[in-house]
PDB file of N, CA and C in Angstrom:
ATOM      1  N   MET A   1      35.098 -74.872 116.076  1.00  0.00           N
ATOM      2  CA  MET A   1      36.244 -74.007 116.103  1.00  0.00           C
ATOM      3  C   MET A   1      37.496 -74.708 116.614  1.00  0.00           C
ATOM      4  N   PRO A   2      37.437 -75.498 117.677  1.00  0.00           N
ATOM      5  CA  PRO A   2      38.662 -76.167 118.132  1.00  0.00           C
ATOM      6  C   PRO A   2      39.294 -77.043 117.053  1.00  0.00           C
ATOM      7  N   GLU A   3      38.483 -77.672 116.241  1.00  0.00           N
ATOM      8  CA  GLU A   3      39.022 -78.529 115.188  1.00  0.00           C
ATOM      9  C   GLU A   3      39.814 -77.711 114.174  1.00  0.00           C
ATOM     10  N   ARG A   4      39.286 -76.547 113.801  1.00  0.00           N
ATOM     11  CA  ARG A   4      39.968 -75.696 112.823  1.00  0.00           C
ATOM     12  C   ARG A   4      41.292 -75.179 113.376  1.00  0.00           C
ATOM     13  N   VAL A   5      41.308 -74.786 114.626  1.00  0.00           N
ATOM     14  CA  VAL A   5      42.541 -74.305 115.248  1.00  0.00           C
ATOM     15  C   VAL A   5      43.556 -75.439 115.310  1.00  0.00           C
ATOM     16  N   ARG A   6      43.099 -76.622 115.642  1.00  0.00           N
ATOM     17  CA  ARG A   6      43.992 -77.792 115.683  1.00  0.00           C
ATOM     18  C   ARG A   6      44.586 -78.054 114.309  1.00  0.00           C
ATOM     19  N   GLU A   7      43.771 -77.971 113.266  1.00  0.00           N
ATOM     20  CA  GLU A   7      44.261 -78.158 111.900  1.00  0.00           C
ATOM     21  C   GLU A   7      45.346 -77.137 111.569  1.00  0.00           C
ATOM     22  N   LEU A   8      45.103 -75.884 111.924  1.00  0.00           N
ATOM     23  CA  LEU A   8      46.073 -74.829 111.646  1.00  0.00           C
ATOM     24  C   LEU A   8      47.392 -75.080 112.386  1.00  0.00           C
ATOM     25  N   MET A   9      47.278 -75.504 113.633  1.00  0.00           N
ATOM     26  CA  MET A   9      48.480 -75.758 114.424  1.00  0.00           C
ATOM     27  C   MET A   9      49.264 -76.936 113.868  1.00  0.00           C
ATOM     28  N   LEU A  10      48.567 -77.987 113.492  1.00  0.00           N
ATOM     29  CA  LEU A  10      49.249 -79.177 112.972  1.00  0.00           C
ATOM     30  C   LEU A  10      49.866 -78.928 111.598  1.00  0.00           C
ATOM     31  N   ALA A  11      49.324 -77.976 110.861  1.00  0.00           N
ATOM     32  CA  ALA A  11      49.857 -77.661 109.535  1.00  0.00           C
ATOM     33  C   ALA A  11      51.138 -76.833 109.617  1.00  0.00           C
ATOM     34  N   ALA A  12      51.366 -76.189 110.746  1.00  0.00           N
ATOM     35  CA  ALA A  12      52.550 -75.343 110.900  1.00  0.00           C
ATOM     36  C   ALA A  12      53.795 -76.208 111.103  1.00  0.00           C
ATOM     37  N   ARG A  13      54.873 -75.782 110.494  1.00  0.00           N
ATOM     38  CA  ARG A  13      56.139 -76.507 110.644  1.00  0.00           C
ATOM     39  C   ARG A  13      56.786 -76.128 111.972  1.00  0.00           C
ATOM     40  N   PRO A  14      57.269 -77.112 112.736  1.00  0.00           N
ATOM     41  CA  PRO A  14      57.886 -76.819 114.038  1.00  0.00           C
ATOM     42  C   PRO A  14      58.978 -75.752 113.993  1.00  0.00           C
ATOM     43  N   PRO A  15      59.872 -75.742 112.995  1.00  0.00           N
ATOM     44  CA  PRO A  15      60.882 -74.664 112.979  1.00  0.00           C
ATOM     45  C   PRO A  15      60.242 -73.268 112.840  1.00  0.00           C
ATOM     46  N   ALA A  16      59.155 -73.182 112.095  1.00  0.00           N
ATOM     47  CA  ALA A  16      58.477 -71.891 111.938  1.00  0.00           C
ATOM     48  C   ALA A  16      57.843 -71.458 113.256  1.00  0.00           C
ATOM     49  N   ILE A  17      57.261 -72.399 113.965  1.00  0.00           N
ATOM     50  CA  ILE A  17      56.655 -72.086 115.267  1.00  0.00           C
ATOM     51  C   ILE A  17      57.729 -71.622 116.236  1.00  0.00           C
ATOM     52  N   ALA A  18      58.848 -72.351 116.285  1.00  0.00           N
ATOM     53  CA  ALA A  18      59.944 -71.983 117.186  1.00  0.00           C
ATOM     54  C   ALA A  18      60.476 -70.592 116.847  1.00  0.00           C
ATOM     55  N   ALA A  19      60.660 -70.310 115.564  1.00  0.00           N
ATOM     56  CA  ALA A  19      61.172 -68.999 115.153  1.00  0.00           C
ATOM     57  C   ALA A  19      60.218 -67.888 115.570  1.00  0.00           C
ATOM     58  N   ALA A  20      58.923 -68.105 115.388  1.00  0.00           N
ATOM     59  CA  ALA A  20      57.936 -67.087 115.769  1.00  0.00           C
ATOM     60  C   ALA A  20      57.955 -66.847 117.276  1.00  0.00           C
ATOM     61  N   LEU A  21      58.039 -67.913 118.046  1.00  0.00           N
ATOM     62  CA  LEU A  21      58.076 -67.769 119.508  1.00  0.00           C
ATOM     63  C   LEU A  21      59.319 -67.019 119.967  1.00  0.00           C
ATOM     64  N   TYR A  22      60.475 -67.358 119.388  1.00  0.00           N
ATOM     65  CA  TYR A  22      61.704 -66.653 119.758  1.00  0.00           C
ATOM     66  C   TYR A  22      61.640 -65.183 119.380  1.00  0.00           C
ATOM     67  N   ARG A  23      61.064 -64.877 118.221  1.00  0.00           N
ATOM     68  CA  ARG A  23      60.937 -63.480 117.796  1.00  0.00           C
ATOM     69  C   ARG A  23      60.032 -62.711 118.760  1.00  0.00           C
ATOM     70  N   MET A  24      58.941 -63.334 119.189  1.00  0.00           N
ATOM     71  CA  MET A  24      58.040 -62.654 120.129  1.00  0.00           C
ATOM     72  C   MET A  24      58.722 -62.423 121.472  1.00  0.00           C
ATOM     73  N   MET A  25      59.524 -63.400 121.905  1.00  0.00           N
ATOM     74  CA  MET A  25      60.211 -63.260 123.192  1.00  0.00           C
ATOM     75  C   MET A  25      61.248 -62.145 123.158  1.00  0.00           C
ATOM     76  N   ASP A  26      61.886 -61.955 122.014  1.00  0.00           N
ATOM     77  CA  ASP A  26      62.975 -60.997 121.907  1.00  0.00           C
ATOM     78  C   ASP A  26      62.554 -59.611 121.428  1.00  0.00           C
ATOM     79  N   ARG A  27      61.291 -59.452 121.074  1.00  0.00           N
ATOM     80  CA  ARG A  27      60.896 -58.159 120.520  1.00  0.00           C
ATOM     81  C   ARG A  27      60.920 -57.088 121.605  1.00  0.00           C
ATOM     82  N   PRO A  28      61.306 -55.878 121.204  1.00  0.00           N
ATOM     83  CA  PRO A  28      61.352 -54.791 122.189  1.00  0.00           C
ATOM     84  C   PRO A  28      59.937 -54.318 122.534  1.00  0.00           C
ATOM     85  N   ASP A  29      59.826 -53.730 123.702  1.00  0.00           N
ATOM     86  CA  ASP A  29      58.554 -53.148 124.128  1.00  0.00           C
ATOM     87  C   ASP A  29      58.323 -51.877 123.314  1.00  0.00           C
ATOM     88  N   SER A  30      57.212 -51.817 122.613  1.00  0.00           N
ATOM     89  CA  SER A  30      56.912 -50.646 121.784  1.00  0.00           C
ATOM     90  C   SER A  30      55.716 -49.865 122.322  1.00  0.00           C
ATOM     91  N   THR A  31      55.429 -50.024 123.602  1.00  0.00           N
ATOM     92  CA  THR A  31      54.301 -49.349 124.233  1.00  0.00           C
ATOM     93  C   THR A  31      54.344 -47.840 124.014  1.00  0.00           C
ATOM     94  N   GLU A  32      55.524 -47.252 124.084  1.00  0.00           N
ATOM     95  CA  GLU A  32      55.647 -45.798 123.955  1.00  0.00           C
ATOM     96  C   GLU A  32      55.261 -45.308 122.563  1.00  0.00           C
ATOM     97  N   LEU A  33      55.260 -46.184 121.570  1.00  0.00           N
ATOM     98  CA  LEU A  33      54.893 -45.784 120.209  1.00  0.00           C
ATOM     99  C   LEU A  33      53.383 -45.623 120.030  1.00  0.00           C
ATOM    100  N   LEU A  34      52.599 -46.188 120.942  1.00  0.00           N
ATOM    101  CA  LEU A  34      51.139 -46.150 120.801  1.00  0.00           C
ATOM    102  C   LEU A  34      50.604 -44.726 120.740  1.00  0.00           C
ATOM    103  N   ALA A  35      51.184 -43.822 121.488  1.00  0.00           N
ATOM    104  CA  ALA A  35      50.710 -42.438 121.520  1.00  0.00           C
ATOM    105  C   ALA A  35      50.857 -41.746 120.169  1.00  0.00           C
ATOM    106  N   GLY A  36      51.714 -42.280 119.309  1.00  0.00           N
ATOM    107  CA  GLY A  36      51.929 -41.682 118.000  1.00  0.00           C
ATOM    108  C   GLY A  36      50.970 -42.163 116.925  1.00  0.00           C
ATOM    109  N   ILE A  37      50.112 -43.094 117.253  1.00  0.00           N
ATOM    110  CA  ILE A  37      49.152 -43.595 116.263  1.00  0.00           C
ATOM    111  C   ILE A  37      48.121 -42.506 115.992  1.00  0.00           C
ATOM    112  N   ARG A  38      47.922 -42.186 114.738  1.00  0.00           N
ATOM    113  CA  ARG A  38      47.011 -41.107 114.374  1.00  0.00           C
ATOM    114  C   ARG A  38      45.896 -41.547 113.433  1.00  0.00           C
ATOM    115  N   CYS A  39      45.754 -42.831 113.223  1.00  0.00           N
ATOM    116  CA  CYS A  39      44.676 -43.323 112.360  1.00  0.00           C
ATOM    117  C   CYS A  39      43.588 -43.936 113.244  1.00  0.00           C
ATOM    118  N   PRO A  40      42.379 -44.076 112.707  1.00  0.00           N
ATOM    119  CA  PRO A  40      41.323 -44.732 113.479  1.00  0.00           C
ATOM    120  C   PRO A  40      41.780 -46.126 113.916  1.00  0.00           C
ATOM    121  N   THR A  41      41.565 -46.430 115.172  1.00  0.00           N
ATOM    122  CA  THR A  41      42.080 -47.672 115.745  1.00  0.00           C
ATOM    123  C   THR A  41      40.987 -48.400 116.511  1.00  0.00           C
ATOM    124  N   LEU A  42      40.828 -49.671 116.198  1.00  0.00           N
ATOM    125  CA  LEU A  42      39.902 -50.535 116.929  1.00  0.00           C
ATOM    126  C   LEU A  42      40.708 -51.620 117.617  1.00  0.00           C
ATOM    127  N   ILE A  43      40.478 -51.797 118.901  1.00  0.00           N
ATOM    128  CA  ILE A  43      41.083 -52.882 119.669  1.00  0.00           C
ATOM    129  C   ILE A  43      39.961 -53.849 120.002  1.00  0.00           C
ATOM    130  N   VAL A  44      40.116 -55.084 119.598  1.00  0.00           N
ATOM    131  CA  VAL A  44      39.111 -56.116 119.879  1.00  0.00           C
ATOM    132  C   VAL A  44      39.741 -57.120 120.833  1.00  0.00           C
ATOM    133  N   VAL A  45      39.038 -57.422 121.910  1.00  0.00           N
ATOM    134  CA  VAL A  45      39.540 -58.370 122.902  1.00  0.00           C
ATOM    135  C   VAL A  45      38.377 -59.202 123.428  1.00  0.00           C
ATOM    136  N   GLY A  46      38.649 -60.449 123.700  1.00  0.00           N
ATOM    137  CA  GLY A  46      37.655 -61.307 124.331  1.00  0.00           C
ATOM    138  C   GLY A  46      37.685 -61.110 125.833  1.00  0.00           C
ATOM    139  N   GLU A  47      36.518 -61.098 126.449  1.00  0.00           N
ATOM    140  CA  GLU A  47      36.475 -60.868 127.896  1.00  0.00           C
ATOM    141  C   GLU A  47      37.164 -61.985 128.670  1.00  0.00           C
ATOM    142  N   ARG A  48      37.344 -63.155 128.056  1.00  0.00           N
ATOM    143  CA  ARG A  48      38.005 -64.286 128.719  1.00  0.00           C
ATOM    144  C   ARG A  48      39.414 -64.533 128.166  1.00  0.00           C
ATOM    145  N   ASP A  49      39.967 -63.547 127.487  1.00  0.00           N
ATOM    146  CA  ASP A  49      41.308 -63.676 126.917  1.00  0.00           C
ATOM    147  C   ASP A  49      42.319 -63.704 128.053  1.00  0.00           C
ATOM    148  N   GLU A  50      43.029 -64.811 128.189  1.00  0.00           N
ATOM    149  CA  GLU A  50      44.018 -64.937 129.252  1.00  0.00           C
ATOM    150  C   GLU A  50      45.411 -64.529 128.783  1.00  0.00           C
ATOM    151  N   LEU A  51      45.662 -64.560 127.478  1.00  0.00           N
ATOM    152  CA  LEU A  51      46.976 -64.171 126.963  1.00  0.00           C
ATOM    153  C   LEU A  51      47.124 -62.652 126.879  1.00  0.00           C
ATOM    154  N   THR A  52      46.073 -61.991 126.448  1.00  0.00           N
ATOM    155  CA  THR A  52      46.038 -60.528 126.389  1.00  0.00           C
ATOM    156  C   THR A  52      44.736 -60.096 127.062  1.00  0.00           C
ATOM    157  N   PRO A  53      44.720 -60.050 128.379  1.00  0.00           N
ATOM    158  CA  PRO A  53      43.479 -59.766 129.108  1.00  0.00           C
ATOM    159  C   PRO A  53      42.889 -58.398 128.763  1.00  0.00           C
ATOM    160  N   PRO A  54      41.588 -58.258 128.929  1.00  0.00           N
ATOM    161  CA  PRO A  54      40.935 -56.978 128.653  1.00  0.00           C
ATOM    162  C   PRO A  54      41.616 -55.790 129.335  1.00  0.00           C
ATOM    163  N   GLU A  55      42.134 -55.969 130.536  1.00  0.00           N
ATOM    164  CA  GLU A  55      42.790 -54.849 131.233  1.00  0.00           C
ATOM    165  C   GLU A  55      43.968 -54.320 130.422  1.00  0.00           C
ATOM    166  N   LEU A  56      44.747 -55.216 129.809  1.00  0.00           N
ATOM    167  CA  LEU A  56      45.865 -54.763 128.975  1.00  0.00           C
ATOM    168  C   LEU A  56      45.356 -54.041 127.729  1.00  0.00           C
ATOM    169  N   SER A  57      44.252 -54.519 127.188  1.00  0.00           N
ATOM    170  CA  SER A  57      43.671 -53.854 126.016  1.00  0.00           C
ATOM    171  C   SER A  57      43.151 -52.471 126.376  1.00  0.00           C
ATOM    172  N   HIS A  58      42.571 -52.331 127.560  1.00  0.00           N
ATOM    173  CA  HIS A  58      42.113 -51.007 128.015  1.00  0.00           C
ATOM    174  C   HIS A  58      43.312 -50.066 128.217  1.00  0.00           C
ATOM    175  N   GLN A  59      44.419 -50.604 128.715  1.00  0.00           N
ATOM    176  CA  GLN A  59      45.621 -49.788 128.865  1.00  0.00           C
ATOM    177  C   GLN A  59      46.135 -49.333 127.497  1.00  0.00           C
ATOM    178  N   MET A  60      46.087 -50.224 126.518  1.00  0.00           N
ATOM    179  CA  MET A  60      46.499 -49.870 125.165  1.00  0.00           C
ATOM    180  C   MET A  60      45.586 -48.780 124.612  1.00  0.00           C
ATOM    181  N   GLN A  61      44.289 -48.956 124.813  1.00  0.00           N
ATOM    182  CA  GLN A  61      43.320 -47.969 124.331  1.00  0.00           C
ATOM    183  C   GLN A  61      43.608 -46.594 124.936  1.00  0.00           C
ATOM    184  N   ALA A  62      43.953 -46.563 126.199  1.00  0.00           N
ATOM    185  CA  ALA A  62      44.220 -45.288 126.874  1.00  0.00           C
ATOM    186  C   ALA A  62      45.435 -44.573 126.287  1.00  0.00           C
ATOM    187  N   ARG A  63      46.348 -45.300 125.693  1.00  0.00           N
ATOM    188  CA  ARG A  63      47.567 -44.710 125.129  1.00  0.00           C
ATOM    189  C   ARG A  63      47.410 -44.281 123.673  1.00  0.00           C
ATOM    190  N   ILE A  64      46.406 -44.797 122.972  1.00  0.00           N
ATOM    191  CA  ILE A  64      46.199 -44.460 121.563  1.00  0.00           C
ATOM    192  C   ILE A  64      45.117 -43.392 121.486  1.00  0.00           C
ATOM    193  N   PRO A  65      45.437 -42.231 120.931  1.00  0.00           N
ATOM    194  CA  PRO A  65      44.438 -41.161 120.862  1.00  0.00           C
ATOM    195  C   PRO A  65      43.161 -41.606 120.151  1.00  0.00           C
ATOM    196  N   ASN A  66      42.051 -41.433 120.823  1.00  0.00           N
ATOM    197  CA  ASN A  66      40.719 -41.715 120.265  1.00  0.00           C
ATOM    198  C   ASN A  66      40.512 -43.153 119.818  1.00  0.00           C
ATOM    199  N   ALA A  67      41.221 -44.090 120.412  1.00  0.00           N
ATOM    200  CA  ALA A  67      41.028 -45.502 120.060  1.00  0.00           C
ATOM    201  C   ALA A  67      39.684 -45.991 120.583  1.00  0.00           C
ATOM    202  N   THR A  68      39.134 -46.956 119.877  1.00  0.00           N
ATOM    203  CA  THR A  68      37.880 -47.598 120.256  1.00  0.00           C
ATOM    204  C   THR A  68      38.195 -49.019 120.701  1.00  0.00           C
ATOM    205  N   ILE A  69      37.486 -49.495 121.715  1.00  0.00           N
ATOM    206  CA  ILE A  69      37.686 -50.875 122.160  1.00  0.00           C
ATOM    207  C   ILE A  69      36.364 -51.620 122.111  1.00  0.00           C
ATOM    208  N   ALA A  70      36.438 -52.883 121.731  1.00  0.00           N
ATOM    209  CA  ALA A  70      35.277 -53.769 121.753  1.00  0.00           C
ATOM    210  C   ALA A  70      35.671 -54.997 122.565  1.00  0.00           C
ATOM    211  N   VAL A  71      34.993 -55.222 123.675  1.00  0.00           N
ATOM    212  CA  VAL A  71      35.223 -56.396 124.511  1.00  0.00           C
ATOM    213  C   VAL A  71      34.101 -57.383 124.205  1.00  0.00           C
ATOM    214  N   LEU A  72      34.472 -58.521 123.649  1.00  0.00           N
ATOM    215  CA  LEU A  72      33.474 -59.501 123.238  1.00  0.00           C
ATOM    216  C   LEU A  72      33.172 -60.470 124.369  1.00  0.00           C
ATOM    217  N   PRO A  73      31.904 -60.600 124.749  1.00  0.00           N
ATOM    218  CA  PRO A  73      31.532 -61.483 125.865  1.00  0.00           C
ATOM    219  C   PRO A  73      31.763 -62.954 125.525  1.00  0.00           C
ATOM    220  N   ASP A  74      32.059 -63.720 126.563  1.00  0.00           N
ATOM    221  CA  ASP A  74      32.227 -65.176 126.436  1.00  0.00           C
ATOM    222  C   ASP A  74      33.198 -65.551 125.322  1.00  0.00           C
ATOM    223  N   THR A  75      34.267 -64.781 125.183  1.00  0.00           N
ATOM    224  CA  THR A  75      35.231 -64.981 124.110  1.00  0.00           C
ATOM    225  C   THR A  75      36.635 -64.950 124.696  1.00  0.00           C
ATOM    226  N   GLY A  76      37.504 -65.800 124.141  1.00  0.00           N
ATOM    227  CA  GLY A  76      38.889 -65.860 124.599  1.00  0.00           C
ATOM    228  C   GLY A  76      39.832 -65.124 123.668  1.00  0.00           C
ATOM    229  N   HIS A  77      41.036 -65.676 123.502  1.00  0.00           N
ATOM    230  CA  HIS A  77      42.112 -65.003 122.776  1.00  0.00           C
ATOM    231  C   HIS A  77      41.900 -64.957 121.258  1.00  0.00           C
ATOM    232  N   MET A  78      41.233 -65.923 120.708  1.00  0.00           N
ATOM    233  CA  MET A  78      41.050 -65.978 119.254  1.00  0.00           C
ATOM    234  C   MET A  78      39.650 -65.484 118.900  1.00  0.00           C
ATOM    235  N   ALA A  79      39.422 -64.211 119.181  1.00  0.00           N
ATOM    236  CA  ALA A  79      38.082 -63.631 119.093  1.00  0.00           C
ATOM    237  C   ALA A  79      37.443 -63.798 117.725  1.00  0.00           C
ATOM    238  N   ASN A  80      38.212 -63.609 116.671  1.00  0.00           N
ATOM    239  CA  ASN A  80      37.625 -63.710 115.328  1.00  0.00           C
ATOM    240  C   ASN A  80      37.186 -65.126 114.998  1.00  0.00           C
ATOM    241  N   LEU A  81      37.816 -66.136 115.597  1.00  0.00           N
ATOM    242  CA  LEU A  81      37.415 -67.523 115.359  1.00  0.00           C
ATOM    243  C   LEU A  81      36.370 -67.994 116.365  1.00  0.00           C
ATOM    244  N   GLU A  82      36.500 -67.561 117.605  1.00  0.00           N
ATOM    245  CA  GLU A  82      35.588 -67.997 118.659  1.00  0.00           C
ATOM    246  C   GLU A  82      34.222 -67.325 118.575  1.00  0.00           C
ATOM    247  N   ASN A  83      34.227 -66.087 118.142  1.00  0.00           N
ATOM    248  CA  ASN A  83      32.992 -65.306 118.114  1.00  0.00           C
ATOM    249  C   ASN A  83      32.964 -64.478 116.830  1.00  0.00           C
ATOM    250  N   PRO A  84      32.886 -65.129 115.667  1.00  0.00           N
ATOM    251  CA  PRO A  84      32.938 -64.376 114.411  1.00  0.00           C
ATOM    252  C   PRO A  84      31.806 -63.374 114.257  1.00  0.00           C
ATOM    253  N   GLU A  85      30.628 -63.688 114.755  1.00  0.00           N
ATOM    254  CA  GLU A  85      29.513 -62.754 114.636  1.00  0.00           C
ATOM    255  C   GLU A  85      29.777 -61.490 115.432  1.00  0.00           C
ATOM    256  N   GLY A  86      30.234 -61.655 116.674  1.00  0.00           N
ATOM    257  CA  GLY A  86      30.535 -60.503 117.513  1.00  0.00           C
ATOM    258  C   GLY A  86      31.709 -59.706 116.976  1.00  0.00           C
ATOM    259  N   PHE A  87      32.723 -60.407 116.502  1.00  0.00           N
ATOM    260  CA  PHE A  87      33.890 -59.748 115.922  1.00  0.00           C
ATOM    261  C   PHE A  87      33.492 -58.921 114.705  1.00  0.00           C
ATOM    262  N   ASN A  88      32.744 -59.542 113.795  1.00  0.00           N
ATOM    263  CA  ASN A  88      32.326 -58.844 112.583  1.00  0.00           C
ATOM    264  C   ASN A  88      31.407 -57.664 112.889  1.00  0.00           C
ATOM    265  N   ALA A  89      30.537 -57.823 113.876  1.00  0.00           N
ATOM    266  CA  ALA A  89      29.642 -56.723 114.257  1.00  0.00           C
ATOM    267  C   ALA A  89      30.451 -55.546 114.813  1.00  0.00           C
ATOM    268  N   ALA A  90      31.445 -55.840 115.657  1.00  0.00           N
ATOM    269  CA  ALA A  90      32.283 -54.771 116.219  1.00  0.00           C
ATOM    270  C   ALA A  90      33.071 -54.077 115.113  1.00  0.00           C
ATOM    271  N   LEU A  91      33.608 -54.854 114.196  1.00  0.00           N
ATOM    272  CA  LEU A  91      34.378 -54.277 113.099  1.00  0.00           C
ATOM    273  C   LEU A  91      33.490 -53.436 112.181  1.00  0.00           C
ATOM    274  N   THR A  92      32.293 -53.930 111.898  1.00  0.00           N
ATOM    275  CA  THR A  92      31.365 -53.185 111.038  1.00  0.00           C
ATOM    276  C   THR A  92      30.974 -51.865 111.682  1.00  0.00           C
ATOM    277  N   ARG A  93      30.646 -51.884 112.995  1.00  0.00           N
ATOM    278  CA  ARG A  93      30.304 -50.647 113.707  1.00  0.00           C
ATOM    279  C   ARG A  93      31.451 -49.648 113.627  1.00  0.00           C
ATOM    280  N   PHE A  94      32.650 -50.145 113.846  1.00  0.00           N
ATOM    281  CA  PHE A  94      33.829 -49.279 113.810  1.00  0.00           C
ATOM    282  C   PHE A  94      34.024 -48.690 112.413  1.00  0.00           C
ATOM    283  N   LEU A  95      33.998 -49.538 111.394  1.00  0.00           N
ATOM    284  CA  LEU A  95      34.223 -49.063 110.025  1.00  0.00           C
ATOM    285  C   LEU A  95      33.124 -48.122 109.550  1.00  0.00           C
ATOM    286  N   ASP A  96      31.901 -48.351 110.011  1.00  0.00           N
ATOM    287  CA  ASP A  96      30.808 -47.445 109.651  1.00  0.00           C
ATOM    288  C   ASP A  96      31.050 -46.033 110.181  1.00  0.00           C
ATOM    289  N   GLY A  97      31.811 -45.918 111.261  1.00  0.00           N
ATOM    290  CA  GLY A  97      32.079 -44.617 111.857  1.00  0.00           C
ATOM    291  C   GLY A  97      33.341 -43.943 111.352  1.00  0.00           C
ATOM    292  N   VAL A  98      34.105 -44.631 110.518  1.00  0.00           N
ATOM    293  CA  VAL A  98      35.357 -44.069 110.006  1.00  0.00           C
ATOM    294  C   VAL A  98      35.085 -43.301 108.723  1.00  0.00           C
ATOM    295  N   GLN A  99      35.578 -42.079 108.682  1.00  0.00           N
ATOM    296  CA  GLN A  99      35.453 -41.264 107.476  1.00  0.00           C
ATOM    297  C   GLN A  99      36.808 -41.236 106.778  1.00  0.00           C
ATOM    298  N   PRO A 100      36.866 -41.673 105.539  1.00  0.00           N
ATOM    299  CA  PRO A 100      38.149 -41.718 104.827  1.00  0.00           C
ATOM    300  C   PRO A 100      38.838 -40.357 104.822  1.00  0.00           C
ATOM    301  N   GLY A 101      40.147 -40.396 105.090  1.00  0.00           N
ATOM    302  CA  GLY A 101      40.948 -39.185 105.014  1.00  0.00           C
ATOM    303  C   GLY A 101      40.904 -38.308 106.246  1.00  0.00           C
ATOM    304  N   LEU A 102      40.097 -38.671 107.239  1.00  0.00           N
ATOM    305  CA  LEU A 102      39.992 -37.849 108.450  1.00  0.00           C
ATOM    306  C   LEU A 102      40.608 -38.579 109.625  1.00  0.00           C
ATOM    307  N   GLU A 103      41.284 -37.852 110.471  1.00  0.00           N
ATOM    308  CA  GLU A 103      41.792 -38.445 111.704  1.00  0.00           C
ATOM    309  C   GLU A 103      40.633 -38.573 112.674  1.00  0.00           C
ATOM    310  N   PRO A 104      40.731 -39.528 113.614  1.00  0.00           N
ATOM    311  CA  PRO A 104      39.647 -39.706 114.592  1.00  0.00           C
ATOM    312  C   PRO A 104      39.424 -38.485 115.455  1.00  0.00           C
TER     313      PRO A 104
END
């Protein structure tokens, strides 16, 4: 996995990386919008995620009506790459419980 992430990072153009970082720094806080989400929502977080720690994900879950959270053990920030089996299992469980056209 580290090799693949390194490849992805090296393939990115520096101006694109800089633009993305500046956009993230300047984006407004949209926390208050979470309460308005009305579709089935899954939050996936790695238990060792230092950029978006599980506590922040739990806070997000508390603000989204009927949101589901999956905390993946021994996983960091790039959960889908670090723990694809756990990520896919959490997503499959979530999708199996979603009924099309119905709110959670």
